[in-house]
Amino acid sequence: MTKSELIEEVAKSAGCSKADAERTLNAFFDLVVASTQRGEKVAWPGFGAFSTTQRKARTGRNPQTGATVSVPASTAMKFTASSTLKASLNPNRK
């Protein structure tokens, strides 16, 4: 689903204009980014949680040349699905 398709579906579902849906989604994502940058976890019960994780510096390889490359330490966004979401995605698992 593309961004425009998502905005259209949210607007239809919420009964609002596409512009209102886009502003709302942008505000949500901006808030998630700002909160996780401060080291906070953003959780939505029944859906999941956004958080950050620290990646250590490491040595990698350039796949074309095989040369060794230094990969610096970084912060990555992490999403953890809730057990409710996992259960809805896998209804036949027990």
C-alpha atoms as a PDB file:
ATOM      1  CA  MET A   1       0.000   0.000   0.000  1.00  0.00           C
ATOM      2  CA  THR A   2       1.394   3.388  -0.971  1.00  0.00           C
ATOM      3  CA  LYS A   3       1.200   6.532   1.150  1.00  0.00           C
ATOM      4  CA  SER A   4      -1.602   7.989  -0.992  1.00  0.00           C
ATOM      5  CA  GLU A   5      -3.584   4.735  -0.805  1.00  0.00           C
ATOM      6  CA  LEU A   6      -3.154   4.665   2.979  1.00  0.00           C
ATOM      7  CA  ILE A   7      -4.331   8.268   3.298  1.00  0.00           C
ATOM      8  CA  GLU A   8      -7.340   7.548   1.090  1.00  0.00           C
ATOM      9  CA  GLU A   9      -8.339   4.465   3.116  1.00  0.00           C
ATOM     10  CA  VAL A  10      -7.902   6.251   6.450  1.00  0.00           C
ATOM     11  CA  ALA A  11      -9.969   9.195   5.191  1.00  0.00           C
ATOM     12  CA  LYS A  12     -12.758   6.836   4.062  1.00  0.00           C
ATOM     13  CA  SER A  13     -12.689   4.844   7.283  1.00  0.00           C
ATOM     14  CA  ALA A  14     -12.649   7.912   9.546  1.00  0.00           C
ATOM     15  CA  GLY A  15     -15.130   9.891   7.462  1.00  0.00           C
ATOM     16  CA  CYS A  16     -12.809  12.873   7.064  1.00  0.00           C
ATOM     17  CA  SER A  17     -11.034  14.621   4.214  1.00  0.00           C
ATOM     18  CA  LYS A  18      -7.815  13.290   2.743  1.00  0.00           C
ATOM     19  CA  ALA A  19      -6.029  16.436   3.944  1.00  0.00           C
ATOM     20  CA  ASP A  20      -7.191  15.807   7.528  1.00  0.00           C
ATOM     21  CA  ALA A  21      -6.146  12.153   7.319  1.00  0.00           C
ATOM     22  CA  GLU A  22      -2.711  13.101   5.985  1.00  0.00           C
ATOM     23  CA  ARG A  23      -2.170  15.717   8.720  1.00  0.00           C
ATOM     24  CA  THR A  24      -3.175  13.183  11.363  1.00  0.00           C
ATOM     25  CA  LEU A  25      -0.897  10.451  10.025  1.00  0.00           C
ATOM     26  CA  ASN A  26       2.014  12.898   9.668  1.00  0.00           C
ATOM     27  CA  ALA A  27       1.477  14.074  13.250  1.00  0.00           C
ATOM     28  CA  PHE A  28       1.447  10.462  14.481  1.00  0.00           C
ATOM     29  CA  PHE A  29       4.683   9.536  12.709  1.00  0.00           C
ATOM     30  CA  ASP A  30       6.369  12.789  13.790  1.00  0.00           C
ATOM     31  CA  LEU A  31       5.413  12.036  17.396  1.00  0.00           C
ATOM     32  CA  VAL A  32       6.708   8.446  17.174  1.00  0.00           C
ATOM     33  CA  VAL A  33      10.047   9.668  15.770  1.00  0.00           C
ATOM     34  CA  ALA A  34      10.413  12.455  18.344  1.00  0.00           C
ATOM     35  CA  SER A  35       9.523  10.174  21.265  1.00  0.00           C
ATOM     36  CA  THR A  36      11.852   7.372  20.211  1.00  0.00           C
ATOM     37  CA  GLN A  37      14.677   9.874  19.639  1.00  0.00           C
ATOM     38  CA  ARG A  38      14.334  10.742  23.343  1.00  0.00           C
ATOM     39  CA  GLY A  39      14.640   7.049  24.161  1.00  0.00           C
ATOM     40  CA  GLU A  40      10.943   6.564  24.951  1.00  0.00           C
ATOM     41  CA  LYS A  41       8.876   3.587  23.874  1.00  0.00           C
ATOM     42  CA  VAL A  42       5.613   4.294  22.023  1.00  0.00           C
ATOM     43  CA  ALA A  43       3.052   1.536  22.580  1.00  0.00           C
ATOM     44  CA  TRP A  44      -0.392   0.978  21.097  1.00  0.00           C
ATOM     45  CA  PRO A  45      -2.180  -1.805  23.017  1.00  0.00           C
ATOM     46  CA  GLY A  46      -3.418  -4.536  20.707  1.00  0.00           C
ATOM     47  CA  PHE A  47      -1.069  -3.421  17.924  1.00  0.00           C
ATOM     48  CA  GLY A  48       2.528  -3.143  19.096  1.00  0.00           C
ATOM     49  CA  ALA A  49       5.310  -0.876  20.258  1.00  0.00           C
ATOM     50  CA  PHE A  50       7.935   1.304  18.594  1.00  0.00           C
ATOM     51  CA  SER A  51      11.319   1.678  20.260  1.00  0.00           C
ATOM     52  CA  THR A  52      14.962   2.168  19.368  1.00  0.00           C
ATOM     53  CA  THR A  53      17.883  -0.192  19.613  1.00  0.00           C
ATOM     54  CA  GLN A  54      21.602   0.499  19.501  1.00  0.00           C
ATOM     55  CA  ARG A  55      23.702  -1.250  16.886  1.00  0.00           C
ATOM     56  CA  LYS A  56      27.399  -1.663  17.628  1.00  0.00           C
ATOM     57  CA  ALA A  57      30.113  -0.706  15.174  1.00  0.00           C
ATOM     58  CA  ARG A  58      31.189  -3.679  13.089  1.00  0.00           C
ATOM     59  CA  THR A  59      33.189  -4.746  10.092  1.00  0.00           C
ATOM     60  CA  GLY A  60      31.276  -5.557   6.917  1.00  0.00           C
ATOM     61  CA  ARG A  61      32.125  -6.497   3.355  1.00  0.00           C
ATOM     62  CA  ASN A  62      31.390  -4.777   0.081  1.00  0.00           C
ATOM     63  CA  PRO A  63      29.456  -7.454  -1.859  1.00  0.00           C
ATOM     64  CA  GLN A  64      30.830  -6.305  -5.234  1.00  0.00           C
ATOM     65  CA  THR A  65      34.520  -6.152  -4.376  1.00  0.00           C
ATOM     66  CA  GLY A  66      34.761  -8.202  -1.193  1.00  0.00           C
ATOM     67  CA  ALA A  67      36.664  -5.331   0.435  1.00  0.00           C
ATOM     68  CA  THR A  68      36.370  -4.884   4.185  1.00  0.00           C
ATOM     69  CA  VAL A  69      34.252  -1.881   5.196  1.00  0.00           C
ATOM     70  CA  SER A  70      33.872  -0.287   8.616  1.00  0.00           C
ATOM     71  CA  VAL A  71      30.187   0.104   9.560  1.00  0.00           C
ATOM     72  CA  PRO A  72      29.756   2.731  12.309  1.00  0.00           C
ATOM     73  CA  ALA A  73      27.526   2.332  15.363  1.00  0.00           C
ATOM     74  CA  SER A  74      23.946   3.501  14.806  1.00  0.00           C
ATOM     75  CA  THR A  75      20.491   3.738  16.301  1.00  0.00           C
ATOM     76  CA  ALA A  76      17.702   1.768  14.602  1.00  0.00           C
ATOM     77  CA  MET A  77      13.922   1.889  14.908  1.00  0.00           C
ATOM     78  CA  LYS A  78      12.340  -1.326  16.138  1.00  0.00           C
ATOM     79  CA  PHE A  79       8.700  -2.432  16.034  1.00  0.00           C
ATOM     80  CA  THR A  80       7.473  -5.243  18.261  1.00  0.00           C
ATOM     81  CA  ALA A  81       4.046  -6.663  17.417  1.00  0.00           C
ATOM     82  CA  SER A  82       1.675  -7.285  20.318  1.00  0.00           C
ATOM     83  CA  SER A  83       0.478 -10.789  21.098  1.00  0.00           C
ATOM     84  CA  THR A  84      -3.027  -9.725  19.987  1.00  0.00           C
ATOM     85  CA  LEU A  85      -1.727  -8.670  16.561  1.00  0.00           C
ATOM     86  CA  LYS A  86       0.334 -11.854  16.229  1.00  0.00           C
ATOM     87  CA  ALA A  87      -2.721 -13.969  17.097  1.00  0.00           C
ATOM     88  CA  SER A  88      -4.875 -12.188  14.494  1.00  0.00           C
ATOM     89  CA  LEU A  89      -2.209 -12.723  11.832  1.00  0.00           C
ATOM     90  CA  ASN A  90      -1.828 -16.414  12.720  1.00  0.00           C
ATOM     91  CA  PRO A  91      -5.347 -17.650  13.616  1.00  0.00           C
ATOM     92  CA  ASN A  92      -4.510 -21.361  13.190  1.00  0.00           C
ATOM     93  CA  ARG A  93      -1.476 -21.364  15.508  1.00  0.00           C
ATOM     94  CA  LYS A  94      -1.810 -22.470  19.077  1.00  0.00           C
END
